[in-house]
Every structure is written in structure tokens, then in C-alpha cells.
Amino acid sequence: MKIVIPRFPGTNCEFDTEYAFEKLGHEVAIIWHEEEIIPSDADLVVVPGGFSYGDYLRSGAIARFSPIMKAVRSFADNGGYVLGICNGFQILLESHLLPGAMKRNENLHFVSKHQHLKVVNSDNRFLRRCEEGEILNIPIAHAEGNYYIEEDRLKELYDNGQVILKYCDAEGNPDNPNGSVDDIAGICNKEKNVFGLMPHPERAIEKILGSDDGVKMIEGFLP
């Protein structure tokens, strides 16, 4: 598969993401945010974590206007797969490729640790190698991971199977590190080709890093 990773000023996880996908046998291309075209042979676009310019206003609020995001939207609208990780998730929210918004963590502190997640819905390309109810151990690192959506739209997410991951403890009980509504850690769009999550699966692909649970997540995009 051909993976394309947009790079913004301040991005710091593009090389982690590149390493993870290359380790699993994918071809990867990192492209600058001022590019206006997604390569025609791209199978997946991954908007990586880290930071993006303008985050001091609101995470992703300025990056959404980068030329590459217009191309990402066109790619998604034509059925292409898009994955947003951490700041990438925030950019997808700001770009309205995914519903909802991100707020500061409830305790107003940056949080960085391994966090257990429960798979809520695996009926999608991203998590299809996981079982519903399965517990994963994936790192998180964010200051604005407090996902918010209005109550009526939250119901729509559940009705459409768009809630895919929740924060939990090792036994699967709720364990919310940031105040995110209904403990939500990851969602997708109605068409199930655009995915966003705050945790970093690209940082959990080798046991020496503390977990390799990210492998089965990333492998979901394999043919």
C-alpha cells in the first residue's frame, strides 16, 4: 500500500508514523502541507500527531486552511481512507471531516502515558482485525483531547456505529484521562472511511516500547 503523510510546521510524529507503516511493509511518502495534490497512487492518508502551526489559537484551527487539507477532503469525498492521529484528529475535526470538537483536558494538564482502550465497533476497515470489547494498550500524549459533541449528535454517532474506541482501565471499566464525552477516544465518519483517535497506535508497534497493540490497528488497512 502507498501511505501519504502530510507534514505541517510543528508536526513531530511524521517520522514515527513513517517508521510504523514501513515496518509493516507499506510504502510511505511525506508531503509538505503546501502541496495541493494527494499522489494518485495513495491508498491511505495519515494526518500525524504532534503539533501544527496556529495551535495556540485552537488545535488544528489554522492547519485546516493548508492547501493539502483541501486535497485530503477531496480524497476522502472520493472514498479514500484517511486516518487522523492526535493533532491529526484535531485537524480533521476542524476541517469538518469528522463531527464534534476538541477542548482542553478537563484537568488543564498535558497527559502523557499508556492508556487502555476498549474497542466499541470493529465493523470498519481500521479496527477490523480487533474484536469488539477487546482491550488495547496504546500511548496518549495531549493537552486538548477532551472530545465534545452535542447530545443529539452523540446519539447519531452511536446509531451509525461511528464511536469506535473508548478510554478504559485494564478490566474495561471507564477510565477517562481528559474528560472526553462518554469516554470517547476515537470515531469515524458515517461512510467509515475517515477515522480519528487521540491515542498513538504508531507508538505501540514493538513490545520494547511497552506495547505492540498498535500493530493490529494499523494492519486493518492492509488489503
Protein backbone atom coordinates (compact mmCIF):
# COMPACT_ATOMS: atom_id res chain seq x y z
CA MET A 1 0.00 0.00 0.00
CA LYS A 2 1.01 3.62 -0.56
CA ILE A 3 0.69 5.76 2.57
CA VAL A 4 0.81 9.57 2.33
CA ILE A 5 1.62 11.65 5.43
CA PRO A 6 1.05 15.44 5.28
CA ARG A 7 3.64 17.41 7.25
CA PHE A 8 2.75 20.73 8.90
CA PRO A 9 5.03 23.26 10.62
CA GLY A 10 5.40 21.82 14.13
CA THR A 11 4.46 18.23 13.29
CA ASN A 12 6.67 15.87 15.29
CA CYS A 13 5.18 12.42 14.76
CA GLU A 14 5.52 12.09 10.99
CA PHE A 15 8.68 10.00 11.27
CA ASP A 16 7.20 7.74 13.97
CA THR A 17 4.25 7.19 11.67
CA GLU A 18 6.51 6.60 8.67
CA TYR A 19 8.55 4.05 10.65
CA ALA A 20 5.44 2.19 11.82
CA PHE A 21 3.94 1.79 8.35
CA GLU A 22 7.26 0.95 6.70
CA LYS A 23 7.92 -1.69 9.37
CA LEU A 24 4.66 -3.33 8.32
CA GLY A 25 5.69 -3.30 4.67
CA HIS A 26 3.97 -0.19 3.34
CA GLU A 27 5.45 2.43 1.02
CA VAL A 28 5.36 5.87 2.65
CA ALA A 29 5.62 9.41 1.27
CA ILE A 30 5.77 12.52 3.50
CA ILE A 31 4.48 15.63 1.72
CA TRP A 32 4.60 19.30 2.76
CA HIS A 33 1.36 20.97 3.80
CA GLU A 34 1.56 23.48 0.93
CA GLU A 35 1.19 20.73 -1.65
CA GLU A 36 -2.18 20.84 -3.37
CA ILE A 37 -2.45 17.27 -4.66
CA ILE A 38 -2.53 13.86 -3.00
CA PRO A 39 -0.46 11.40 -5.13
CA SER A 40 -2.77 9.45 -7.41
CA ASP A 41 -1.46 6.09 -6.16
CA ALA A 42 -2.23 6.84 -2.47
CA ASP A 43 -4.25 4.19 -0.64
CA LEU A 44 -4.32 5.92 2.75
CA VAL A 45 -3.64 9.43 4.05
CA VAL A 46 -2.44 9.66 7.66
CA VAL A 47 -2.59 13.10 9.27
CA PRO A 48 0.02 12.64 12.03
CA GLY A 49 0.27 13.76 15.63
CA GLY A 50 2.47 16.33 17.29
CA PHE A 51 1.58 19.98 16.81
CA SER A 52 0.64 22.22 13.92
CA TYR A 53 1.15 25.91 13.41
CA GLY A 54 -1.59 28.03 14.98
CA ASP A 55 -2.31 25.55 17.77
CA TYR A 56 -2.01 28.40 20.26
CA LEU A 57 -5.37 29.60 18.92
CA ARG A 58 -7.00 26.17 18.96
CA SER A 59 -5.50 22.85 17.93
CA GLY A 60 -5.78 22.40 14.17
CA ALA A 61 -7.62 25.70 13.69
CA ILE A 62 -5.06 27.11 11.25
CA ALA A 63 -3.74 23.86 9.78
CA ARG A 64 -7.22 23.17 8.39
CA PHE A 65 -6.64 26.01 5.90
CA SER A 66 -3.43 24.48 4.50
CA PRO A 67 -3.71 23.66 0.77
CA ILE A 68 -3.13 19.97 1.44
CA MET A 69 -6.32 19.74 3.51
CA LYS A 70 -8.44 20.68 0.51
CA ALA A 71 -6.80 17.74 -1.26
CA VAL A 72 -7.39 15.48 1.75
CA ARG A 73 -11.07 16.41 1.73
CA SER A 74 -11.33 15.64 -1.99
CA PHE A 75 -9.53 12.34 -1.42
CA ALA A 76 -11.97 11.41 1.37
CA ASP A 77 -15.03 12.53 -0.59
CA ASN A 78 -13.96 10.14 -3.35
CA GLY A 79 -13.86 7.23 -0.90
CA GLY A 80 -10.17 7.38 0.05
CA TYR A 81 -9.17 6.25 3.53
CA VAL A 82 -7.98 8.94 5.96
CA LEU A 83 -6.61 8.41 9.48
CA GLY A 84 -6.00 11.30 11.89
CA ILE A 85 -3.87 10.64 14.98
CA CYS A 86 -3.88 13.08 17.93
CA ASN A 87 -3.24 16.50 16.34
CA GLY A 88 -4.30 14.88 13.08
CA PHE A 89 -7.65 14.03 14.69
CA GLN A 90 -7.94 17.64 15.84
CA ILE A 91 -7.26 18.86 12.29
CA LEU A 92 -9.92 16.51 10.87
CA LEU A 93 -12.43 17.89 13.38
CA GLU A 94 -11.56 21.48 12.50
CA SER A 95 -11.85 20.58 8.80
CA HIS A 96 -15.32 19.08 9.42
CA LEU A 97 -14.21 15.75 8.02
CA LEU A 98 -15.34 14.34 11.38
CA PRO A 99 -18.10 15.64 13.69
CA GLY A 100 -17.56 17.25 17.08
CA ALA A 101 -14.83 19.41 18.60
CA MET A 102 -11.86 19.17 20.92
CA LYS A 103 -11.43 21.06 24.20
CA ARG A 104 -8.65 21.40 26.74
CA ASN A 105 -8.22 18.39 29.02
CA GLU A 106 -10.58 18.62 31.95
CA ASN A 107 -7.71 18.98 34.44
CA LEU A 108 -5.97 21.54 32.16
CA HIS A 109 -2.76 19.47 32.21
CA PHE A 110 -0.86 17.76 29.41
CA VAL A 111 -1.19 14.00 29.82
CA SER A 112 1.38 11.51 28.53
CA LYS A 113 1.14 7.82 29.42
CA HIS A 114 -0.01 4.42 28.23
CA GLN A 115 -3.80 4.22 28.27
CA HIS A 116 -6.13 1.27 27.90
CA LEU A 117 -8.80 1.49 25.22
CA LYS A 118 -11.90 -0.59 24.58
CA VAL A 119 -12.87 -1.43 21.01
CA VAL A 120 -16.50 -0.35 20.69
CA ASN A 121 -17.03 -1.04 16.99
CA SER A 122 -14.75 -3.11 14.77
CA ASP A 123 -17.09 -3.13 11.77
CA ASN A 124 -14.76 -0.85 9.84
CA ARG A 125 -11.51 -1.01 7.88
CA PHE A 126 -9.37 0.46 10.67
CA LEU A 127 -10.28 -1.91 13.52
CA ARG A 128 -11.43 -4.95 11.58
CA ARG A 129 -8.57 -7.08 12.99
CA CYS A 130 -9.76 -6.32 16.54
CA GLU A 131 -12.66 -7.84 18.45
CA GLU A 132 -15.46 -5.72 19.84
CA GLY A 133 -14.86 -5.38 23.57
CA GLU A 134 -11.13 -6.05 23.17
CA ILE A 135 -8.84 -4.04 25.44
CA LEU A 136 -5.80 -2.38 23.83
CA ASN A 137 -2.89 -0.58 25.49
CA ILE A 138 -1.88 2.50 23.47
CA PRO A 139 0.09 5.65 24.45
CA ILE A 140 -1.61 9.03 24.68
CA ALA A 141 0.07 12.46 24.72
CA HIS A 142 -2.13 15.54 24.50
CA ALA A 143 -3.36 18.70 26.21
CA GLU A 144 -6.56 19.05 24.14
CA GLY A 145 -8.07 15.59 23.98
CA ASN A 146 -11.39 16.37 25.61
CA TYR A 147 -13.76 15.35 22.81
CA TYR A 148 -17.13 17.10 22.79
CA ILE A 149 -20.29 16.71 20.76
CA GLU A 150 -23.89 17.75 21.43
CA GLU A 151 -26.19 15.12 22.94
CA ASP A 152 -28.37 14.68 19.86
CA ARG A 153 -25.33 14.30 17.60
CA LEU A 154 -23.78 11.87 20.08
CA LYS A 155 -26.84 9.67 19.66
CA GLU A 156 -26.33 9.83 15.90
CA LEU A 157 -22.73 8.65 16.34
CA TYR A 158 -23.93 5.56 18.20
CA ASP A 159 -26.82 4.96 15.82
CA ASN A 160 -24.39 4.99 12.89
CA GLY A 161 -21.66 2.93 14.56
CA GLN A 162 -19.26 5.87 14.49
CA VAL A 163 -17.91 5.54 18.04
CA ILE A 164 -15.03 3.09 17.66
CA LEU A 165 -12.84 3.45 20.78
CA LYS A 166 -13.35 4.40 24.43
CA TYR A 167 -10.93 5.05 27.29
CA CYS A 168 -10.95 2.37 29.98
CA ASP A 169 -8.80 0.55 32.54
CA ALA A 170 -7.21 -2.89 32.12
CA GLU A 171 -10.53 -4.56 33.02
CA GLY A 172 -12.56 -2.47 30.60
CA ASN A 173 -14.11 -0.15 33.16
CA PRO A 174 -14.35 3.56 32.28
CA ASP A 175 -11.09 5.41 32.94
CA ASN A 176 -11.21 8.84 31.34
CA PRO A 177 -7.90 10.76 31.22
CA ASN A 178 -9.19 14.02 29.72
CA GLY A 179 -12.93 14.46 30.29
CA SER A 180 -13.94 13.36 26.80
CA VAL A 181 -17.71 12.97 26.49
CA ASP A 182 -18.82 9.38 27.11
CA ASP A 183 -15.12 8.38 27.40
CA ILE A 184 -14.74 8.58 23.61
CA ALA A 185 -11.18 8.08 22.31
CA GLY A 186 -11.87 7.57 18.60
CA ILE A 187 -14.60 7.97 16.00
CA CYS A 188 -15.19 7.65 12.25
CA ASN A 189 -17.45 9.30 9.71
CA LYS A 190 -20.76 7.83 8.52
CA GLU A 191 -19.13 6.37 5.42
CA LYS A 192 -16.45 4.70 7.59
CA ASN A 193 -13.51 5.85 5.50
CA VAL A 194 -12.31 8.71 7.75
CA PHE A 195 -11.04 7.84 11.22
CA GLY A 196 -9.73 9.91 14.11
CA LEU A 197 -8.31 8.99 17.51
CA MET A 198 -6.28 10.74 20.19
CA PRO A 199 -4.10 7.72 21.17
CA HIS A 200 -0.95 6.96 19.16
CA PRO A 201 -1.00 3.45 17.61
CA GLU A 202 2.23 4.25 15.74
CA ARG A 203 3.97 4.38 19.14
CA ALA A 204 2.77 0.88 20.04
CA ILE A 205 4.20 -1.38 17.35
CA GLU A 206 7.05 -3.04 19.28
CA LYS A 207 6.92 -4.71 22.70
CA ILE A 208 10.13 -2.91 23.66
CA LEU A 209 8.08 0.32 23.54
CA GLY A 210 5.65 -1.07 26.13
CA SER A 211 3.02 -2.46 23.76
CA ASP A 212 2.60 -3.71 20.22
CA ASP A 213 -1.20 -3.43 20.24
CA GLY A 214 -0.95 -0.70 17.60
CA VAL A 215 0.10 -3.28 15.01
CA LYS A 216 -3.34 -4.87 14.66
CA MET A 217 -4.87 -1.40 14.36
CA ILE A 218 -2.56 -0.29 11.56
CA GLU A 219 -2.78 -3.70 9.87
CA GLY A 220 -6.50 -3.17 9.43
CA PHE A 221 -5.72 -1.05 6.38
CA LEU A 222 -3.84 -3.92 4.70
CA PRO A 223 -5.63 -5.42 1.70
